[in-house]
Amino acid sequence: MATGWYVLHTYSGYENKIEKTIRMMIDSGELDKDVVRDVKVPSEDVVEVKDGKKRTMTKKFLPGYILVEMDLPEIGWKVPCSKIKKIPGVTGFVGTPANRRPQPLTGDEARAILQKTGEIKGERPVRSRQSFAPGEQVKIIDGPFESFTGTIEEVNTERNKLKVMVGIFGRSTPVEVDLLQVEKI
């Protein structure tokens, strides 16, 4: 037996309810703790800037999917899998035809998802809920250029940075700011 993370497909909006149901089944002994080890709804922190105030919200980044850590035996895997599939709102394991043993995520796939959720150490970027495009007008709300307005010249989503052209002393000057330091006008 080898422990792995399996992806469970669910109805969108039912992820938390199904996670709670699986945890209750583990606690009651209906699912073996040695087989089903953990359940996670993949979510990340998203920062929203509204009226100049930052709010951090938790948002699911894989809606309709749950990660289940299981140690499935070669023989006898059907019992725990069928119990999980019978939960209302569950459509099945991703990438697995009916009556076949589910396939776990590869180590790299699982690590990438768990890093994004913050479960394992690594770069966990906080995303901005706003999306920006070159040519849009923005107001800088934080930092040394606070209260300046300008036009977006360039968007770098990987670094969460914007290049904004602002007017300083009558000249248009490029300024690099964080996505969280601006709001749309």
C-alpha atoms as a PDB file:
ATOM      1  CA  MET A   1       0.000   0.000   0.000  1.00  0.00           C
ATOM      2  CA  ALA A   2       1.196   3.476  -0.819  1.00  0.00           C
ATOM      3  CA  THR A   3      -0.345   6.673   0.476  1.00  0.00           C
ATOM      4  CA  GLY A   4      -1.385   9.131  -2.195  1.00  0.00           C
ATOM      5  CA  TRP A   5      -3.656  12.094  -2.840  1.00  0.00           C
ATOM      6  CA  TYR A   6      -6.731  11.301  -4.934  1.00  0.00           C
ATOM      7  CA  VAL A   7      -8.973  13.870  -6.582  1.00  0.00           C
ATOM      8  CA  LEU A   8     -12.691  13.481  -5.944  1.00  0.00           C
ATOM      9  CA  HIS A   9     -15.120  15.210  -8.317  1.00  0.00           C
ATOM     10  CA  THR A  10     -18.172  16.762  -6.634  1.00  0.00           C
ATOM     11  CA  TYR A  11     -21.044  19.030  -7.448  1.00  0.00           C
ATOM     12  CA  SER A  12     -19.831  22.613  -7.352  1.00  0.00           C
ATOM     13  CA  GLY A  13     -20.758  24.246  -4.054  1.00  0.00           C
ATOM     14  CA  TYR A  14     -20.938  20.913  -2.175  1.00  0.00           C
ATOM     15  CA  GLU A  15     -17.194  20.630  -1.449  1.00  0.00           C
ATOM     16  CA  ASN A  16     -17.305  21.669   2.223  1.00  0.00           C
ATOM     17  CA  LYS A  17     -20.402  19.579   2.927  1.00  0.00           C
ATOM     18  CA  ILE A  18     -18.796  16.475   1.406  1.00  0.00           C
ATOM     19  CA  GLU A  19     -15.533  17.090   3.284  1.00  0.00           C
ATOM     20  CA  LYS A  20     -17.529  17.260   6.530  1.00  0.00           C
ATOM     21  CA  THR A  21     -19.421  14.060   5.618  1.00  0.00           C
ATOM     22  CA  ILE A  22     -16.190  12.146   4.916  1.00  0.00           C
ATOM     23  CA  ARG A  23     -14.696  13.357   8.222  1.00  0.00           C
ATOM     24  CA  MET A  24     -17.836  12.214  10.076  1.00  0.00           C
ATOM     25  CA  MET A  25     -17.608   8.806   8.353  1.00  0.00           C
ATOM     26  CA  ILE A  26     -13.975   8.487   9.502  1.00  0.00           C
ATOM     27  CA  ASP A  27     -14.843   9.509  13.078  1.00  0.00           C
ATOM     28  CA  SER A  28     -17.778   7.078  13.248  1.00  0.00           C
ATOM     29  CA  GLY A  29     -15.649   4.180  11.938  1.00  0.00           C
ATOM     30  CA  GLU A  30     -17.620   3.802   8.707  1.00  0.00           C
ATOM     31  CA  LEU A  31     -14.396   4.603   6.823  1.00  0.00           C
ATOM     32  CA  ASP A  32     -11.134   3.148   8.125  1.00  0.00           C
ATOM     33  CA  LYS A  33      -8.689   5.776   9.459  1.00  0.00           C
ATOM     34  CA  ASP A  34      -5.801   3.718   8.080  1.00  0.00           C
ATOM     35  CA  VAL A  35      -7.259   3.871   4.553  1.00  0.00           C
ATOM     36  CA  VAL A  36      -8.727   7.408   4.394  1.00  0.00           C
ATOM     37  CA  ARG A  37      -6.172   9.619   6.124  1.00  0.00           C
ATOM     38  CA  ASP A  38      -7.158  13.219   5.289  1.00  0.00           C
ATOM     39  CA  VAL A  39      -9.592  15.339   3.273  1.00  0.00           C
ATOM     40  CA  LYS A  40      -8.969  18.857   1.950  1.00  0.00           C
ATOM     41  CA  VAL A  41     -10.919  21.397  -0.079  1.00  0.00           C
ATOM     42  CA  PRO A  42      -8.218  23.214  -2.111  1.00  0.00           C
ATOM     43  CA  SER A  43      -8.487  26.912  -1.246  1.00  0.00           C
ATOM     44  CA  GLU A  44      -6.251  29.973  -1.198  1.00  0.00           C
ATOM     45  CA  ASP A  45      -6.259  33.445   0.308  1.00  0.00           C
ATOM     46  CA  VAL A  46      -7.386  36.208  -2.047  1.00  0.00           C
ATOM     47  CA  VAL A  47      -6.993  39.890  -1.195  1.00  0.00           C
ATOM     48  CA  GLU A  48      -9.709  42.249  -2.327  1.00  0.00           C
ATOM     49  CA  VAL A  49      -9.209  46.014  -2.262  1.00  0.00           C
ATOM     50  CA  LYS A  50     -12.487  47.862  -1.925  1.00  0.00           C
ATOM     51  CA  ASP A  51     -12.868  51.530  -1.029  1.00  0.00           C
ATOM     52  CA  GLY A  52      -9.177  51.649  -0.138  1.00  0.00           C
ATOM     53  CA  LYS A  53      -9.457  48.818   2.400  1.00  0.00           C
ATOM     54  CA  LYS A  54      -7.842  45.396   2.021  1.00  0.00           C
ATOM     55  CA  ARG A  55      -9.894  42.315   2.845  1.00  0.00           C
ATOM     56  CA  THR A  56      -8.489  38.791   2.787  1.00  0.00           C
ATOM     57  CA  MET A  57     -10.925  36.082   1.767  1.00  0.00           C
ATOM     58  CA  THR A  58     -10.521  32.326   1.386  1.00  0.00           C
ATOM     59  CA  LYS A  59     -11.528  31.143  -2.070  1.00  0.00           C
ATOM     60  CA  LYS A  60     -11.656  27.656  -3.562  1.00  0.00           C
ATOM     61  CA  PHE A  61      -9.238  27.479  -6.483  1.00  0.00           C
ATOM     62  CA  LEU A  62     -10.470  24.089  -7.724  1.00  0.00           C
ATOM     63  CA  PRO A  63     -14.265  24.375  -7.421  1.00  0.00           C
ATOM     64  CA  GLY A  64     -15.967  21.016  -7.734  1.00  0.00           C
ATOM     65  CA  TYR A  65     -12.954  19.028  -6.505  1.00  0.00           C
ATOM     66  CA  ILE A  66     -11.736  17.666  -3.169  1.00  0.00           C
ATOM     67  CA  LEU A  67      -8.383  16.086  -2.323  1.00  0.00           C
ATOM     68  CA  VAL A  68      -8.545  12.834  -0.372  1.00  0.00           C
ATOM     69  CA  GLU A  69      -5.391  11.288   1.083  1.00  0.00           C
ATOM     70  CA  MET A  70      -5.792   7.529   1.044  1.00  0.00           C
ATOM     71  CA  ASP A  71      -3.689   4.433   1.515  1.00  0.00           C
ATOM     72  CA  LEU A  72      -5.636   2.112  -0.791  1.00  0.00           C
ATOM     73  CA  PRO A  73      -4.857  -1.596  -0.559  1.00  0.00           C
ATOM     74  CA  GLU A  74      -4.465  -3.588  -3.789  1.00  0.00           C
ATOM     75  CA  ILE A  75      -7.194  -5.950  -2.631  1.00  0.00           C
ATOM     76  CA  GLY A  76     -10.198  -4.452  -0.880  1.00  0.00           C
ATOM     77  CA  TRP A  77      -9.998  -0.944  -2.356  1.00  0.00           C
ATOM     78  CA  LYS A  78     -13.577  -1.138  -3.667  1.00  0.00           C
ATOM     79  CA  VAL A  79     -15.227  -0.890  -0.242  1.00  0.00           C
ATOM     80  CA  PRO A  80     -13.877   2.536   0.833  1.00  0.00           C
ATOM     81  CA  CYS A  81     -14.129   3.927  -2.710  1.00  0.00           C
ATOM     82  CA  SER A  82     -17.756   2.842  -3.123  1.00  0.00           C
ATOM     83  CA  LYS A  83     -18.674   4.319   0.284  1.00  0.00           C
ATOM     84  CA  ILE A  84     -17.157   7.662  -0.769  1.00  0.00           C
ATOM     85  CA  LYS A  85     -18.840   7.555  -4.204  1.00  0.00           C
ATOM     86  CA  LYS A  86     -22.257   6.962  -2.570  1.00  0.00           C
ATOM     87  CA  ILE A  87     -22.109  10.287  -0.709  1.00  0.00           C
ATOM     88  CA  PRO A  88     -24.737  12.635  -2.226  1.00  0.00           C
ATOM     89  CA  GLY A  89     -22.993  15.215  -4.415  1.00  0.00           C
ATOM     90  CA  VAL A  90     -20.001  13.013  -5.310  1.00  0.00           C
ATOM     91  CA  THR A  91     -19.679  12.066  -8.979  1.00  0.00           C
ATOM     92  CA  GLY A  92     -16.522   9.939  -8.664  1.00  0.00           C
ATOM     93  CA  PHE A  93     -12.750   9.956  -8.728  1.00  0.00           C
ATOM     94  CA  VAL A  94     -11.075  12.018 -11.456  1.00  0.00           C
ATOM     95  CA  GLY A  95      -9.586  10.052 -14.337  1.00  0.00           C
ATOM     96  CA  THR A  96     -11.020   6.745 -13.214  1.00  0.00           C
ATOM     97  CA  PRO A  97     -13.568   4.700 -15.190  1.00  0.00           C
ATOM     98  CA  ALA A  98     -16.258   2.815 -13.273  1.00  0.00           C
ATOM     99  CA  ASN A  99     -15.099  -0.318 -11.409  1.00  0.00           C
ATOM    100  CA  ARG A 100     -11.413   0.609 -11.699  1.00  0.00           C
ATOM    101  CA  ARG A 101      -8.979   1.472  -8.924  1.00  0.00           C
ATOM    102  CA  PRO A 102      -8.533   5.278  -8.680  1.00  0.00           C
ATOM    103  CA  GLN A 103      -5.165   6.739  -9.673  1.00  0.00           C
ATOM    104  CA  PRO A 104      -3.421   9.117  -7.249  1.00  0.00           C
ATOM    105  CA  LEU A 105      -1.883  12.443  -8.203  1.00  0.00           C
ATOM    106  CA  THR A 106       1.813  12.401  -8.944  1.00  0.00           C
ATOM    107  CA  GLY A 107       4.089  13.730  -6.213  1.00  0.00           C
ATOM    108  CA  ASP A 108       4.754  16.962  -8.131  1.00  0.00           C
ATOM    109  CA  GLU A 109       1.036  17.599  -8.775  1.00  0.00           C
ATOM    110  CA  ALA A 110       0.123  17.007  -5.130  1.00  0.00           C
ATOM    111  CA  ARG A 111       3.039  19.163  -3.905  1.00  0.00           C
ATOM    112  CA  ALA A 112       2.040  22.046  -6.200  1.00  0.00           C
ATOM    113  CA  ILE A 113      -1.579  22.009  -5.002  1.00  0.00           C
ATOM    114  CA  LEU A 114      -0.647  21.661  -1.328  1.00  0.00           C
ATOM    115  CA  GLN A 115       1.882  24.514  -1.591  1.00  0.00           C
ATOM    116  CA  LYS A 116      -0.761  26.740  -3.132  1.00  0.00           C
ATOM    117  CA  THR A 117      -3.122  25.949  -0.251  1.00  0.00           C
ATOM    118  CA  GLY A 118      -0.356  26.553   2.301  1.00  0.00           C
ATOM    119  CA  GLU A 119      -0.442  22.998   3.685  1.00  0.00           C
ATOM    120  CA  ILE A 120       3.253  22.492   3.002  1.00  0.00           C
ATOM    121  CA  LYS A 121       5.983  25.093   3.206  1.00  0.00           C
ATOM    122  CA  GLY A 122       6.794  26.995   0.087  1.00  0.00           C
ATOM    123  CA  GLU A 123       5.901  30.154  -1.768  1.00  0.00           C
ATOM    124  CA  ARG A 124       2.228  30.829  -1.063  1.00  0.00           C
ATOM    125  CA  PRO A 125       1.369  33.940  -3.007  1.00  0.00           C
ATOM    126  CA  VAL A 126      -1.672  35.930  -1.994  1.00  0.00           C
ATOM    127  CA  ARG A 127      -3.629  36.702  -5.121  1.00  0.00           C
ATOM    128  CA  SER A 128      -5.491  39.891  -5.866  1.00  0.00           C
ATOM    129  CA  ARG A 129      -9.132  39.488  -6.736  1.00  0.00           C
ATOM    130  CA  GLN A 130      -9.040  42.377  -9.202  1.00  0.00           C
ATOM    131  CA  SER A 131      -7.805  41.833 -12.709  1.00  0.00           C
ATOM    132  CA  PHE A 132      -5.943  44.576 -14.504  1.00  0.00           C
ATOM    133  CA  ALA A 133      -5.223  45.237 -18.172  1.00  0.00           C
ATOM    134  CA  PRO A 134      -2.880  47.674 -19.921  1.00  0.00           C
ATOM    135  CA  GLY A 135      -4.538  51.018 -20.637  1.00  0.00           C
ATOM    136  CA  GLU A 136      -6.787  51.034 -17.550  1.00  0.00           C
ATOM    137  CA  GLN A 137      -6.830  54.016 -15.181  1.00  0.00           C
ATOM    138  CA  VAL A 138      -5.860  53.253 -11.567  1.00  0.00           C
ATOM    139  CA  LYS A 139      -5.325  55.138  -8.331  1.00  0.00           C
ATOM    140  CA  ILE A 140      -2.370  54.224  -6.111  1.00  0.00           C
ATOM    141  CA  ILE A 141      -3.700  53.740  -2.572  1.00  0.00           C
ATOM    142  CA  ASP A 142      -0.558  52.658  -0.729  1.00  0.00           C
ATOM    143  CA  GLY A 143       3.174  53.303  -0.744  1.00  0.00           C
ATOM    144  CA  PRO A 144       5.308  56.321  -1.630  1.00  0.00           C
ATOM    145  CA  PHE A 145       3.120  57.255  -4.618  1.00  0.00           C
ATOM    146  CA  GLU A 146      -0.141  57.176  -2.626  1.00  0.00           C
ATOM    147  CA  SER A 147      -2.955  59.314  -4.144  1.00  0.00           C
ATOM    148  CA  PHE A 148      -1.311  59.426  -7.604  1.00  0.00           C
ATOM    149  CA  THR A 149      -3.396  58.280 -10.557  1.00  0.00           C
ATOM    150  CA  GLY A 150      -2.073  56.799 -13.755  1.00  0.00           C
ATOM    151  CA  THR A 151      -2.467  54.429 -16.654  1.00  0.00           C
ATOM    152  CA  ILE A 152      -1.360  50.792 -16.553  1.00  0.00           C
ATOM    153  CA  GLU A 153       1.504  50.212 -18.964  1.00  0.00           C
ATOM    154  CA  GLU A 154       2.307  46.583 -18.129  1.00  0.00           C
ATOM    155  CA  VAL A 155       0.859  43.749 -15.980  1.00  0.00           C
ATOM    156  CA  ASN A 156       3.079  41.033 -14.458  1.00  0.00           C
ATOM    157  CA  THR A 157       0.744  38.520 -12.776  1.00  0.00           C
ATOM    158  CA  GLU A 158       3.566  36.128 -11.790  1.00  0.00           C
ATOM    159  CA  ARG A 159       5.215  38.791  -9.623  1.00  0.00           C
ATOM    160  CA  ASN A 160       1.914  40.558  -8.733  1.00  0.00           C
ATOM    161  CA  LYS A 161       3.314  43.835 -10.077  1.00  0.00           C
ATOM    162  CA  LEU A 162       2.053  46.622 -12.345  1.00  0.00           C
ATOM    163  CA  LYS A 163       3.965  49.263 -14.264  1.00  0.00           C
ATOM    164  CA  VAL A 164       1.885  52.434 -14.004  1.00  0.00           C
ATOM    165  CA  MET A 165       2.616  55.682 -15.854  1.00  0.00           C
ATOM    166  CA  VAL A 166       2.012  58.562 -13.408  1.00  0.00           C
ATOM    167  CA  GLY A 167       2.474  62.274 -13.878  1.00  0.00           C
ATOM    168  CA  ILE A 168       5.284  63.628 -11.686  1.00  0.00           C
ATOM    169  CA  PHE A 169       6.321  67.272 -12.169  1.00  0.00           C
ATOM    170  CA  GLY A 170       4.429  67.401 -15.463  1.00  0.00           C
ATOM    171  CA  ARG A 171       6.175  64.342 -16.918  1.00  0.00           C
ATOM    172  CA  SER A 172       4.865  60.839 -17.424  1.00  0.00           C
ATOM    173  CA  THR A 173       7.025  58.512 -15.293  1.00  0.00           C
ATOM    174  CA  PRO A 174       6.841  54.696 -15.010  1.00  0.00           C
ATOM    175  CA  VAL A 175       6.312  53.407 -11.464  1.00  0.00           C
ATOM    176  CA  GLU A 176       6.295  49.733 -10.431  1.00  0.00           C
ATOM    177  CA  VAL A 177       3.661  48.957  -7.788  1.00  0.00           C
ATOM    178  CA  ASP A 178       2.182  45.864  -6.209  1.00  0.00           C
ATOM    179  CA  LEU A 179      -1.305  44.754  -7.315  1.00  0.00           C
ATOM    180  CA  LEU A 180      -2.522  45.384  -3.771  1.00  0.00           C
ATOM    181  CA  GLN A 181      -1.344  49.007  -3.848  1.00  0.00           C
ATOM    182  CA  VAL A 182      -3.805  50.119  -6.541  1.00  0.00           C
ATOM    183  CA  GLU A 183      -7.511  50.194  -7.213  1.00  0.00           C
ATOM    184  CA  LYS A 184      -9.420  50.820 -10.398  1.00  0.00           C
ATOM    185  CA  ILE A 185     -10.927  54.237 -10.962  1.00  0.00           C
END
